[in-house]
Amino acid sequence: MKTTHQEEVWKSKFGEEYNYRNVYDNKALDDVYTSDIGITRTEMNKRFIGDFDRDIKILEIGCNIGVQLVNLQEMGFKNLYGLELQWHAIEIAHQKTKGLNIVQGTAYDIPFKTGYFDLVFTNRVLIHINPDRLADALKEIVRCTNSFVYGSEYYNDKLTEIKRYEGYENVLWKRDFAKFYLDNFPELKLVKEEKYKYTFNDDVDSTFLLKK
């Protein structure tokens, strides 16, 4: 399958620089979330999946260096997997984390069998997928889960490109991702959604949990 422009950008020096900017321990991650949207990532996860069995299999798409997976690990979740495009990010993850199963791959071709996971999630990753290819990626996400899809993404009521993201065009979009899932995959139902406005501008994050 032909590599997309967005994948090429993330595999470039831009991606490496992003990795080094986002080397957080769990406390620093929570502090950044509190500063940005007024809630820690830990508290957000507790609201959505805090009651889930800690032995479920969880896959993060676009896990970068694993900070979101570490947050779940700190909450007691044990069977944690990550899929990441960049080898550089995977190398950092292997150096800085323990007990995570991180492999290289893309959302368009997830290297796990159908229904292998109990929950598949993304965190500000769908926003970087070409809108023309979004349905392809979500089809793979839905295929790989036997129960839940969990996401946290930039929200807008209509598809909108964010221009000049770190100097790049055609790499970042916001939209109603939960609605896109529901419109395209009728087997999914919305369990919960919350929106969090940023403290320093008018942008909004949507966090949502869907169930098959």
N, C-alpha and C. Protein backbone atom coordinates (compact mmCIF):
# COMPACT_ATOMS: atom_id res chain seq x y z
N MET A 1 0.84 -1.19 0.00
CA MET A 1 0.00 0.00 0.00
C MET A 1 0.88 1.25 0.00
N LYS A 2 0.53 2.23 -0.82
CA LYS A 2 1.34 3.43 -0.95
C LYS A 2 1.36 4.21 0.36
N THR A 3 2.56 4.68 0.73
CA THR A 3 2.72 5.47 1.94
C THR A 3 2.07 6.83 1.76
N THR A 4 1.34 7.29 2.75
CA THR A 4 0.68 8.58 2.66
C THR A 4 1.65 9.71 2.98
N HIS A 5 1.28 10.91 2.58
CA HIS A 5 2.07 12.10 2.90
C HIS A 5 2.24 12.24 4.41
N GLN A 6 1.17 11.99 5.14
CA GLN A 6 1.22 12.15 6.60
C GLN A 6 2.21 11.16 7.22
N GLU A 7 2.24 9.93 6.72
CA GLU A 7 3.21 8.95 7.23
C GLU A 7 4.64 9.39 6.94
N GLU A 8 4.87 9.93 5.75
CA GLU A 8 6.20 10.39 5.39
C GLU A 8 6.66 11.51 6.32
N VAL A 9 5.76 12.41 6.66
CA VAL A 9 6.10 13.50 7.58
C VAL A 9 6.51 12.94 8.94
N TRP A 10 5.73 11.99 9.45
CA TRP A 10 6.02 11.45 10.78
C TRP A 10 7.28 10.60 10.80
N LYS A 11 7.67 10.03 9.66
CA LYS A 11 8.91 9.25 9.61
C LYS A 11 10.13 10.13 9.37
N SER A 12 9.93 11.42 9.17
CA SER A 12 11.02 12.35 8.91
C SER A 12 11.59 12.89 10.23
N LYS A 13 12.49 13.83 10.13
CA LYS A 13 13.08 14.46 11.32
C LYS A 13 12.01 15.09 12.20
N PHE A 14 10.92 15.54 11.58
CA PHE A 14 9.79 16.09 12.33
C PHE A 14 9.32 15.11 13.40
N GLY A 15 9.19 13.84 13.02
CA GLY A 15 8.75 12.82 13.97
C GLY A 15 9.73 12.62 15.11
N GLU A 16 11.02 12.61 14.79
CA GLU A 16 12.04 12.44 15.83
C GLU A 16 12.00 13.61 16.82
N GLU A 17 11.85 14.81 16.29
CA GLU A 17 11.79 15.98 17.17
C GLU A 17 10.57 15.91 18.08
N TYR A 18 9.46 15.44 17.54
CA TYR A 18 8.25 15.26 18.35
C TYR A 18 8.51 14.27 19.48
N ASN A 19 9.19 13.18 19.18
CA ASN A 19 9.48 12.17 20.21
C ASN A 19 10.22 12.78 21.38
N TYR A 20 11.24 13.58 21.10
CA TYR A 20 12.05 14.15 22.16
C TYR A 20 11.30 15.22 22.96
N ARG A 21 10.31 15.87 22.31
CA ARG A 21 9.53 16.89 23.01
C ARG A 21 8.52 16.27 23.98
N ASN A 22 8.24 14.99 23.81
CA ASN A 22 7.15 14.37 24.56
C ASN A 22 7.61 13.21 25.43
N VAL A 23 8.81 13.33 25.97
CA VAL A 23 9.32 12.30 26.89
C VAL A 23 8.87 12.67 28.30
N TYR A 24 7.69 12.16 28.68
CA TYR A 24 7.11 12.46 29.99
C TYR A 24 7.09 11.21 30.86
N ASP A 25 7.30 11.42 32.17
CA ASP A 25 6.92 10.34 33.08
C ASP A 25 5.43 10.53 33.37
N ASN A 26 4.86 9.64 34.16
CA ASN A 26 3.41 9.66 34.34
C ASN A 26 2.93 10.93 35.03
N LYS A 27 3.70 11.42 36.01
CA LYS A 27 3.31 12.65 36.70
C LYS A 27 3.34 13.84 35.74
N ALA A 28 4.40 13.91 34.93
CA ALA A 28 4.51 15.02 33.98
C ALA A 28 3.36 14.97 32.96
N LEU A 29 2.98 13.76 32.53
CA LEU A 29 1.85 13.62 31.61
C LEU A 29 0.58 14.18 32.24
N ASP A 30 0.32 13.81 33.49
CA ASP A 30 -0.86 14.32 34.17
C ASP A 30 -0.80 15.84 34.34
N ASP A 31 0.38 16.35 34.62
CA ASP A 31 0.53 17.80 34.78
C ASP A 31 0.23 18.54 33.47
N VAL A 32 0.70 18.00 32.35
CA VAL A 32 0.44 18.61 31.05
C VAL A 32 -1.05 18.61 30.75
N TYR A 33 -1.72 17.51 31.01
CA TYR A 33 -3.17 17.43 30.78
C TYR A 33 -3.91 18.44 31.64
N THR A 34 -3.53 18.55 32.91
CA THR A 34 -4.19 19.51 33.79
C THR A 34 -3.99 20.93 33.28
N SER A 35 -2.78 21.24 32.86
CA SER A 35 -2.49 22.57 32.33
C SER A 35 -3.27 22.85 31.05
N ASP A 36 -3.40 21.85 30.18
CA ASP A 36 -4.01 22.06 28.86
C ASP A 36 -5.53 22.03 28.89
N ILE A 37 -6.11 21.03 29.60
CA ILE A 37 -7.57 20.88 29.53
C ILE A 37 -8.24 20.73 30.89
N GLY A 38 -7.48 20.92 31.97
CA GLY A 38 -8.08 20.99 33.29
C GLY A 38 -8.41 19.67 33.96
N ILE A 39 -7.86 18.56 33.43
CA ILE A 39 -8.09 17.25 34.02
C ILE A 39 -6.86 16.39 33.75
N THR A 40 -6.47 15.56 34.70
CA THR A 40 -5.33 14.67 34.46
C THR A 40 -5.75 13.55 33.52
N ARG A 41 -4.76 12.99 32.83
CA ARG A 41 -5.05 11.83 31.98
C ARG A 41 -5.51 10.66 32.84
N THR A 42 -4.92 10.52 34.03
CA THR A 42 -5.31 9.44 34.92
C THR A 42 -6.79 9.55 35.30
N GLU A 43 -7.24 10.74 35.65
CA GLU A 43 -8.64 10.92 36.03
C GLU A 43 -9.55 10.66 34.83
N MET A 44 -9.14 11.11 33.65
CA MET A 44 -9.94 10.87 32.45
C MET A 44 -10.09 9.36 32.22
N ASN A 45 -8.99 8.63 32.30
CA ASN A 45 -9.07 7.18 32.11
C ASN A 45 -9.94 6.51 33.18
N LYS A 46 -9.87 7.01 34.41
CA LYS A 46 -10.71 6.45 35.47
C LYS A 46 -12.19 6.64 35.14
N ARG A 47 -12.54 7.78 34.58
CA ARG A 47 -13.94 8.06 34.26
C ARG A 47 -14.47 7.13 33.18
N PHE A 48 -13.61 6.76 32.24
CA PHE A 48 -14.06 5.98 31.08
C PHE A 48 -13.83 4.48 31.23
N ILE A 49 -12.68 4.09 31.78
CA ILE A 49 -12.36 2.66 31.82
C ILE A 49 -11.86 2.22 33.20
N GLY A 50 -12.09 3.05 34.19
CA GLY A 50 -11.58 2.75 35.52
C GLY A 50 -12.14 1.48 36.13
N ASP A 51 -13.33 1.07 35.72
CA ASP A 51 -13.95 -0.14 36.27
C ASP A 51 -13.63 -1.40 35.46
N PHE A 52 -12.83 -1.27 34.40
CA PHE A 52 -12.54 -2.42 33.56
C PHE A 52 -11.57 -3.38 34.25
N ASP A 53 -11.72 -4.65 33.94
CA ASP A 53 -10.81 -5.68 34.47
C ASP A 53 -9.38 -5.36 34.03
N ARG A 54 -8.45 -5.45 34.94
CA ARG A 54 -7.05 -5.09 34.64
C ARG A 54 -6.34 -6.12 33.77
N ASP A 55 -6.97 -7.25 33.51
CA ASP A 55 -6.36 -8.28 32.67
C ASP A 55 -6.78 -8.20 31.20
N ILE A 56 -7.65 -7.25 30.84
CA ILE A 56 -8.07 -7.17 29.44
C ILE A 56 -6.89 -6.81 28.54
N LYS A 57 -6.99 -7.22 27.26
CA LYS A 57 -5.97 -6.87 26.28
C LYS A 57 -6.29 -5.52 25.67
N ILE A 58 -5.32 -4.61 25.71
CA ILE A 58 -5.50 -3.24 25.22
C ILE A 58 -4.43 -2.94 24.17
N LEU A 59 -4.85 -2.34 23.06
CA LEU A 59 -3.94 -1.90 22.01
C LEU A 59 -4.09 -0.40 21.80
N GLU A 60 -2.96 0.31 21.81
CA GLU A 60 -2.96 1.72 21.42
C GLU A 60 -2.40 1.85 20.01
N ILE A 61 -3.15 2.53 19.14
CA ILE A 61 -2.70 2.83 17.79
C ILE A 61 -1.96 4.16 17.80
N GLY A 62 -0.73 4.15 17.30
CA GLY A 62 0.07 5.38 17.31
C GLY A 62 0.56 5.71 18.70
N CYS A 63 1.20 4.74 19.34
CA CYS A 63 1.56 4.89 20.76
C CYS A 63 2.79 5.74 20.99
N ASN A 64 3.51 6.13 19.93
CA ASN A 64 4.73 6.92 20.05
C ASN A 64 5.69 6.22 21.03
N ILE A 65 6.14 6.90 22.07
CA ILE A 65 7.13 6.29 22.96
C ILE A 65 6.50 5.60 24.17
N GLY A 66 5.17 5.52 24.19
CA GLY A 66 4.50 4.69 25.19
C GLY A 66 3.98 5.39 26.43
N VAL A 67 3.94 6.73 26.45
CA VAL A 67 3.55 7.40 27.69
C VAL A 67 2.10 7.12 28.08
N GLN A 68 1.20 7.00 27.09
CA GLN A 68 -0.19 6.69 27.42
C GLN A 68 -0.32 5.27 27.96
N LEU A 69 0.44 4.35 27.41
CA LEU A 69 0.42 2.98 27.89
C LEU A 69 0.99 2.89 29.30
N VAL A 70 2.01 3.67 29.59
CA VAL A 70 2.56 3.70 30.95
C VAL A 70 1.51 4.19 31.93
N ASN A 71 0.72 5.18 31.53
CA ASN A 71 -0.35 5.66 32.38
C ASN A 71 -1.32 4.54 32.73
N LEU A 72 -1.69 3.73 31.73
CA LEU A 72 -2.58 2.60 32.00
C LEU A 72 -1.89 1.54 32.86
N GLN A 73 -0.59 1.38 32.64
CA GLN A 73 0.19 0.44 33.45
C GLN A 73 0.18 0.87 34.92
N GLU A 74 0.32 2.16 35.15
CA GLU A 74 0.29 2.69 36.51
C GLU A 74 -1.08 2.48 37.16
N MET A 75 -2.13 2.41 36.33
CA MET A 75 -3.48 2.16 36.84
C MET A 75 -3.71 0.67 37.10
N GLY A 76 -2.75 -0.18 36.73
CA GLY A 76 -2.87 -1.60 37.01
C GLY A 76 -3.18 -2.48 35.82
N PHE A 77 -3.36 -1.89 34.63
CA PHE A 77 -3.62 -2.72 33.44
C PHE A 77 -2.33 -3.46 33.07
N LYS A 78 -2.48 -4.71 32.64
CA LYS A 78 -1.32 -5.60 32.48
C LYS A 78 -1.00 -5.97 31.04
N ASN A 79 -1.99 -6.20 30.24
CA ASN A 79 -1.78 -6.69 28.87
C ASN A 79 -1.86 -5.53 27.89
N LEU A 80 -0.76 -4.83 27.74
CA LEU A 80 -0.73 -3.57 27.00
C LEU A 80 0.14 -3.69 25.76
N TYR A 81 -0.45 -3.33 24.63
CA TYR A 81 0.22 -3.41 23.34
C TYR A 81 0.18 -2.03 22.68
N GLY A 82 1.20 -1.77 21.86
CA GLY A 82 1.23 -0.53 21.11
C GLY A 82 1.61 -0.78 19.67
N LEU A 83 1.05 0.01 18.78
CA LEU A 83 1.40 0.00 17.36
C LEU A 83 1.93 1.37 17.01
N GLU A 84 3.12 1.42 16.42
CA GLU A 84 3.77 2.71 16.14
C GLU A 84 4.46 2.68 14.78
N LEU A 85 4.31 3.78 14.06
CA LEU A 85 4.90 3.90 12.73
C LEU A 85 6.41 4.05 12.77
N GLN A 86 6.92 4.84 13.72
CA GLN A 86 8.33 5.23 13.74
C GLN A 86 9.20 4.22 14.51
N TRP A 87 10.24 3.74 13.87
CA TRP A 87 11.20 2.90 14.58
C TRP A 87 11.90 3.69 15.68
N HIS A 88 12.16 4.96 15.43
CA HIS A 88 12.85 5.78 16.42
C HIS A 88 12.05 5.85 17.72
N ALA A 89 10.75 6.06 17.61
CA ALA A 89 9.90 6.11 18.80
C ALA A 89 9.88 4.77 19.51
N ILE A 90 9.84 3.69 18.75
CA ILE A 90 9.82 2.35 19.36
C ILE A 90 11.11 2.10 20.13
N GLU A 91 12.24 2.53 19.58
CA GLU A 91 13.52 2.37 20.26
C GLU A 91 13.53 3.10 21.59
N ILE A 92 13.00 4.33 21.61
CA ILE A 92 12.93 5.09 22.87
C ILE A 92 12.01 4.38 23.86
N ALA A 93 10.87 3.89 23.36
CA ALA A 93 9.93 3.18 24.23
C ALA A 93 10.58 1.96 24.88
N HIS A 94 11.35 1.22 24.09
CA HIS A 94 12.01 0.03 24.63
C HIS A 94 13.05 0.40 25.68
N GLN A 95 13.67 1.56 25.54
CA GLN A 95 14.67 2.01 26.50
C GLN A 95 14.03 2.49 27.81
N LYS A 96 12.85 3.10 27.71
CA LYS A 96 12.28 3.81 28.85
C LYS A 96 11.12 3.10 29.53
N THR A 97 10.63 1.99 28.96
CA THR A 97 9.48 1.31 29.54
C THR A 97 9.77 -0.17 29.73
N LYS A 98 8.95 -0.80 30.54
CA LYS A 98 9.04 -2.25 30.75
C LYS A 98 7.63 -2.84 30.68
N GLY A 99 7.55 -4.05 30.13
CA GLY A 99 6.30 -4.77 30.14
C GLY A 99 5.28 -4.35 29.09
N LEU A 100 5.72 -3.54 28.11
CA LEU A 100 4.83 -3.12 27.03
C LEU A 100 5.19 -3.88 25.75
N ASN A 101 4.21 -4.25 24.99
CA ASN A 101 4.42 -4.98 23.74
C ASN A 101 4.20 -4.03 22.57
N ILE A 102 5.26 -3.38 22.12
CA ILE A 102 5.15 -2.37 21.07
C ILE A 102 5.77 -2.89 19.78
N VAL A 103 4.99 -2.80 18.69
CA VAL A 103 5.45 -3.27 17.39
C VAL A 103 5.29 -2.17 16.36
N GLN A 104 6.01 -2.33 15.24
CA GLN A 104 5.95 -1.35 14.16
C GLN A 104 4.81 -1.68 13.21
N GLY A 105 4.11 -0.65 12.76
CA GLY A 105 3.02 -0.86 11.81
C GLY A 105 2.19 0.40 11.63
N THR A 106 1.15 0.30 10.80
CA THR A 106 0.27 1.44 10.55
C THR A 106 -1.17 1.05 10.85
N ALA A 107 -1.99 2.08 11.04
CA ALA A 107 -3.40 1.85 11.32
C ALA A 107 -4.13 1.23 10.15
N TYR A 108 -3.56 1.32 8.95
CA TYR A 108 -4.22 0.77 7.76
C TYR A 108 -4.06 -0.74 7.65
N ASP A 109 -3.14 -1.30 8.42
CA ASP A 109 -2.86 -2.73 8.33
C ASP A 109 -2.34 -3.21 9.69
N ILE A 110 -3.24 -3.36 10.64
CA ILE A 110 -2.86 -3.70 12.01
C ILE A 110 -2.49 -5.19 12.07
N PRO A 111 -1.28 -5.51 12.53
CA PRO A 111 -0.78 -6.90 12.46
C PRO A 111 -1.25 -7.80 13.60
N PHE A 112 -2.55 -7.78 13.86
CA PHE A 112 -3.13 -8.66 14.87
C PHE A 112 -4.43 -9.24 14.32
N LYS A 113 -4.79 -10.40 14.81
CA LYS A 113 -5.96 -11.09 14.27
C LYS A 113 -7.25 -10.40 14.72
N THR A 114 -8.31 -10.69 14.02
CA THR A 114 -9.63 -10.11 14.28
C THR A 114 -10.08 -10.42 15.70
N GLY A 115 -10.51 -9.36 16.41
CA GLY A 115 -11.05 -9.53 17.76
C GLY A 115 -10.03 -9.90 18.81
N TYR A 116 -8.75 -9.67 18.54
CA TYR A 116 -7.72 -10.09 19.49
C TYR A 116 -7.75 -9.25 20.77
N PHE A 117 -8.18 -8.00 20.67
CA PHE A 117 -8.15 -7.10 21.81
C PHE A 117 -9.54 -6.84 22.37
N ASP A 118 -9.56 -6.53 23.66
CA ASP A 118 -10.81 -6.13 24.31
C ASP A 118 -11.07 -4.65 24.13
N LEU A 119 -10.02 -3.89 23.95
CA LEU A 119 -10.14 -2.44 23.76
C LEU A 119 -9.01 -1.96 22.87
N VAL A 120 -9.35 -1.15 21.88
CA VAL A 120 -8.36 -0.49 21.02
C VAL A 120 -8.57 1.01 21.16
N PHE A 121 -7.48 1.77 21.35
CA PHE A 121 -7.66 3.20 21.55
C PHE A 121 -6.65 4.04 20.78
N THR A 122 -7.04 5.29 20.58
CA THR A 122 -6.16 6.30 20.00
C THR A 122 -6.18 7.54 20.87
N ASN A 123 -5.08 8.26 20.83
CA ASN A 123 -4.99 9.52 21.56
C ASN A 123 -4.34 10.56 20.64
N ARG A 124 -5.15 11.44 20.11
CA ARG A 124 -4.68 12.49 19.20
C ARG A 124 -3.85 11.90 18.06
N VAL A 125 -4.38 10.84 17.49
CA VAL A 125 -3.75 10.15 16.36
C VAL A 125 -4.63 10.20 15.12
N LEU A 126 -5.92 9.99 15.29
CA LEU A 126 -6.83 10.06 14.14
C LEU A 126 -6.78 11.43 13.48
N ILE A 127 -6.46 12.45 14.24
CA ILE A 127 -6.36 13.81 13.70
C ILE A 127 -5.27 13.93 12.64
N HIS A 128 -4.33 13.00 12.63
CA HIS A 128 -3.22 13.05 11.67
C HIS A 128 -3.42 12.12 10.47
N ILE A 129 -4.57 11.48 10.39
CA ILE A 129 -4.84 10.57 9.27
C ILE A 129 -5.59 11.32 8.18
N ASN A 130 -5.12 11.14 6.94
CA ASN A 130 -5.77 11.78 5.80
C ASN A 130 -7.28 11.47 5.83
N PRO A 131 -8.13 12.49 5.76
CA PRO A 131 -9.58 12.23 5.80
C PRO A 131 -10.06 11.24 4.75
N ASP A 132 -9.37 11.18 3.61
CA ASP A 132 -9.76 10.22 2.57
C ASP A 132 -9.43 8.78 2.95
N ARG A 133 -8.57 8.61 3.94
CA ARG A 133 -8.16 7.26 4.36
C ARG A 133 -8.67 6.92 5.76
N LEU A 134 -9.40 7.84 6.38
CA LEU A 134 -9.82 7.62 7.77
C LEU A 134 -10.67 6.37 7.92
N ALA A 135 -11.61 6.18 7.02
CA ALA A 135 -12.49 5.00 7.13
C ALA A 135 -11.69 3.70 7.06
N ASP A 136 -10.62 3.69 6.25
CA ASP A 136 -9.77 2.49 6.15
C ASP A 136 -9.12 2.18 7.50
N ALA A 137 -8.61 3.23 8.17
CA ALA A 137 -7.97 3.02 9.47
C ALA A 137 -8.97 2.58 10.52
N LEU A 138 -10.12 3.21 10.54
CA LEU A 138 -11.12 2.85 11.55
C LEU A 138 -11.67 1.44 11.34
N LYS A 139 -11.75 1.03 10.09
CA LYS A 139 -12.19 -0.34 9.80
C LYS A 139 -11.25 -1.34 10.45
N GLU A 140 -9.95 -1.07 10.40
CA GLU A 140 -8.97 -1.95 11.03
C GLU A 140 -9.08 -1.91 12.55
N ILE A 141 -9.29 -0.72 13.10
CA ILE A 141 -9.45 -0.59 14.55
C ILE A 141 -10.65 -1.40 15.02
N VAL A 142 -11.76 -1.23 14.34
CA VAL A 142 -12.98 -1.96 14.72
C VAL A 142 -12.80 -3.46 14.54
N ARG A 143 -12.08 -3.86 13.50
CA ARG A 143 -11.83 -5.28 13.28
C ARG A 143 -11.08 -5.92 14.44
N CYS A 144 -10.13 -5.21 14.99
CA CYS A 144 -9.22 -5.80 15.98
C CYS A 144 -9.80 -5.87 17.39
N THR A 145 -10.89 -5.16 17.64
CA THR A 145 -11.46 -5.20 18.99
C THR A 145 -12.67 -6.11 19.03
N ASN A 146 -12.81 -6.82 20.14
CA ASN A 146 -14.00 -7.63 20.34
C ASN A 146 -15.05 -6.92 21.18
N SER A 147 -14.68 -5.75 21.74
CA SER A 147 -15.62 -5.06 22.62
C SER A 147 -15.61 -3.54 22.48
N PHE A 148 -14.48 -2.89 22.81
CA PHE A 148 -14.50 -1.44 22.98
C PHE A 148 -13.53 -0.71 22.05
N VAL A 149 -13.95 0.49 21.65
CA VAL A 149 -13.10 1.47 20.98
C VAL A 149 -13.10 2.72 21.86
N TYR A 150 -11.91 3.23 22.15
CA TYR A 150 -11.74 4.36 23.07
C TYR A 150 -10.89 5.40 22.35
N GLY A 151 -11.32 6.65 22.38
CA GLY A 151 -10.56 7.67 21.67
C GLY A 151 -10.56 9.00 22.39
N SER A 152 -9.51 9.78 22.13
CA SER A 152 -9.43 11.16 22.59
C SER A 152 -8.80 11.96 21.47
N GLU A 153 -9.58 12.83 20.84
CA GLU A 153 -9.16 13.51 19.62
C GLU A 153 -9.67 14.95 19.60
N TYR A 154 -9.00 15.81 18.82
CA TYR A 154 -9.48 17.17 18.65
C TYR A 154 -10.88 17.14 18.05
N TYR A 155 -11.78 17.96 18.59
CA TYR A 155 -13.17 17.95 18.17
C TYR A 155 -13.53 19.20 17.37
N ASN A 156 -14.35 19.00 16.36
CA ASN A 156 -15.06 20.09 15.69
C ASN A 156 -16.32 19.49 15.09
N ASP A 157 -17.38 20.29 14.97
CA ASP A 157 -18.62 19.72 14.46
C ASP A 157 -18.57 19.46 12.96
N LYS A 158 -17.56 19.99 12.27
CA LYS A 158 -17.36 19.66 10.86
C LYS A 158 -15.87 19.51 10.60
N LEU A 159 -15.54 18.76 9.54
CA LEU A 159 -14.14 18.52 9.21
C LEU A 159 -13.42 19.83 8.92
N THR A 160 -12.32 20.08 9.63
CA THR A 160 -11.58 21.33 9.50
C THR A 160 -10.09 21.03 9.56
N GLU A 161 -9.34 21.49 8.58
CA GLU A 161 -7.89 21.34 8.63
C GLU A 161 -7.30 22.43 9.51
N ILE A 162 -6.35 22.05 10.36
CA ILE A 162 -5.57 23.01 11.13
C ILE A 162 -4.34 23.34 10.31
N LYS A 163 -4.26 24.57 9.85
CA LYS A 163 -3.21 24.98 8.93
C LYS A 163 -1.89 25.24 9.66
N ARG A 164 -0.82 25.02 8.94
CA ARG A 164 0.53 25.35 9.41
C ARG A 164 0.84 24.70 10.74
N TYR A 165 0.56 23.42 10.86
CA TYR A 165 0.90 22.69 12.08
C TYR A 165 2.41 22.43 12.08
N GLU A 166 3.11 23.09 13.01
CA GLU A 166 4.57 22.98 13.09
C GLU A 166 5.21 23.23 11.71
N GLY A 167 4.59 24.13 10.95
CA GLY A 167 5.14 24.49 9.65
C GLY A 167 4.66 23.63 8.50
N TYR A 168 3.82 22.63 8.77
CA TYR A 168 3.36 21.70 7.73
C TYR A 168 1.89 21.93 7.40
N GLU A 169 1.55 21.68 6.15
CA GLU A 169 0.16 21.64 5.72
C GLU A 169 -0.25 20.18 5.49
N ASN A 170 -1.56 19.95 5.51
CA ASN A 170 -2.10 18.64 5.16
C ASN A 170 -1.63 17.54 6.11
N VAL A 171 -1.54 17.88 7.40
CA VAL A 171 -1.12 16.87 8.39
C VAL A 171 -2.01 16.82 9.63
N LEU A 172 -3.00 17.70 9.75
CA LEU A 172 -3.78 17.74 10.99
C LEU A 172 -5.20 18.24 10.71
N TRP A 173 -6.19 17.45 11.18
CA TRP A 173 -7.59 17.80 11.01
C TRP A 173 -8.34 17.56 12.31
N LYS A 174 -9.38 18.36 12.53
CA LYS A 174 -10.28 18.09 13.64
C LYS A 174 -11.69 17.87 13.09
N ARG A 175 -12.46 17.04 13.79
CA ARG A 175 -13.83 16.72 13.37
C ARG A 175 -14.53 16.01 14.51
N ASP A 176 -15.76 15.58 14.29
CA ASP A 176 -16.47 14.78 15.28
C ASP A 176 -16.15 13.31 15.00
N PHE A 177 -15.08 12.82 15.60
CA PHE A 177 -14.62 11.46 15.33
C PHE A 177 -15.57 10.40 15.87
N ALA A 178 -16.19 10.65 17.02
CA ALA A 178 -17.15 9.69 17.55
C ALA A 178 -18.31 9.51 16.58
N LYS A 179 -18.81 10.60 16.04
CA LYS A 179 -19.92 10.52 15.08
C LYS A 179 -19.49 9.79 13.81
N PHE A 180 -18.24 10.03 13.37
CA PHE A 180 -17.74 9.36 12.18
C PHE A 180 -17.73 7.84 12.40
N TYR A 181 -17.27 7.41 13.56
CA TYR A 181 -17.34 5.98 13.89
C TYR A 181 -18.78 5.47 13.79
N LEU A 182 -19.68 6.16 14.45
CA LEU A 182 -21.06 5.70 14.54
C LEU A 182 -21.76 5.70 13.18
N ASP A 183 -21.43 6.69 12.36
CA ASP A 183 -22.05 6.77 11.03
C ASP A 183 -21.56 5.67 10.09
N ASN A 184 -20.32 5.23 10.29
CA ASN A 184 -19.72 4.27 9.37
C ASN A 184 -19.70 2.83 9.87
N PHE A 185 -19.91 2.64 11.16
CA PHE A 185 -19.85 1.30 11.73
C PHE A 185 -21.08 1.09 12.63
N PRO A 186 -22.18 0.65 12.04
CA PRO A 186 -23.44 0.53 12.79
C PRO A 186 -23.40 -0.47 13.93
N GLU A 187 -22.38 -1.33 13.95
CA GLU A 187 -22.26 -2.27 15.05
C GLU A 187 -21.77 -1.60 16.34
N LEU A 188 -21.37 -0.35 16.26
CA LEU A 188 -20.88 0.38 17.43
C LEU A 188 -21.98 1.23 18.06
N LYS A 189 -21.96 1.31 19.38
CA LYS A 189 -22.86 2.18 20.13
C LYS A 189 -22.04 3.07 21.06
N LEU A 190 -22.50 4.29 21.26
CA LEU A 190 -21.80 5.22 22.15
C LEU A 190 -22.11 4.89 23.60
N VAL A 191 -21.07 4.67 24.39
CA VAL A 191 -21.22 4.42 25.82
C VAL A 191 -21.11 5.72 26.60
N LYS A 192 -20.12 6.55 26.22
CA LYS A 192 -19.85 7.77 27.00
C LYS A 192 -19.02 8.71 26.16
N GLU A 193 -19.27 10.00 26.31
CA GLU A 193 -18.44 11.02 25.66
C GLU A 193 -18.37 12.25 26.56
N GLU A 194 -17.19 12.81 26.65
CA GLU A 194 -17.00 14.08 27.36
C GLU A 194 -16.14 14.99 26.51
N LYS A 195 -16.39 16.29 26.61
CA LYS A 195 -15.59 17.27 25.87
C LYS A 195 -14.86 18.17 26.85
N TYR A 196 -13.62 18.50 26.50
CA TYR A 196 -12.76 19.29 27.38
C TYR A 196 -12.20 20.46 26.58
N LYS A 197 -12.55 21.67 26.99
CA LYS A 197 -12.04 22.85 26.32
C LYS A 197 -10.62 23.16 26.80
N TYR A 198 -9.78 23.57 25.88
CA TYR A 198 -8.42 23.93 26.24
C TYR A 198 -8.41 25.22 27.06
N THR A 199 -7.44 25.32 27.94
CA THR A 199 -7.38 26.46 28.85
C THR A 199 -6.82 27.70 28.18
N PHE A 200 -6.12 27.53 27.03
CA PHE A 200 -5.41 28.66 26.44
C PHE A 200 -5.93 29.06 25.06
N ASN A 201 -6.94 28.34 24.54
CA ASN A 201 -7.59 28.74 23.29
C ASN A 201 -8.98 28.12 23.24
N ASP A 202 -9.63 28.20 22.10
CA ASP A 202 -11.01 27.71 21.99
C ASP A 202 -11.10 26.28 21.45
N ASP A 203 -9.98 25.59 21.30
CA ASP A 203 -10.01 24.21 20.84
C ASP A 203 -10.65 23.31 21.89
N VAL A 204 -11.16 22.18 21.44
CA VAL A 204 -11.86 21.23 22.31
C VAL A 204 -11.37 19.82 22.02
N ASP A 205 -11.17 19.04 23.06
CA ASP A 205 -10.92 17.60 22.92
C ASP A 205 -12.22 16.85 23.18
N SER A 206 -12.46 15.81 22.39
CA SER A 206 -13.55 14.88 22.66
C SER A 206 -12.95 13.55 23.06
N THR A 207 -13.38 13.04 24.21
CA THR A 207 -13.00 11.69 24.63
C THR A 207 -14.26 10.85 24.63
N PHE A 208 -14.16 9.67 24.01
CA PHE A 208 -15.37 8.87 23.81
C PHE A 208 -15.05 7.38 23.96
N LEU A 209 -16.07 6.65 24.39
CA LEU A 209 -15.98 5.20 24.51
C LEU A 209 -17.14 4.59 23.73
N LEU A 210 -16.81 3.68 22.81
CA LEU A 210 -17.79 2.99 21.98
C LEU A 210 -17.73 1.50 22.27
N LYS A 211 -18.85 0.82 22.09
CA LYS A 211 -18.89 -0.63 22.33
C LYS A 211 -19.56 -1.34 21.16
N LYS A 212 -18.99 -2.48 20.78
CA LYS A 212 -19.59 -3.33 19.77
C LYS A 212 -20.85 -3.99 20.32
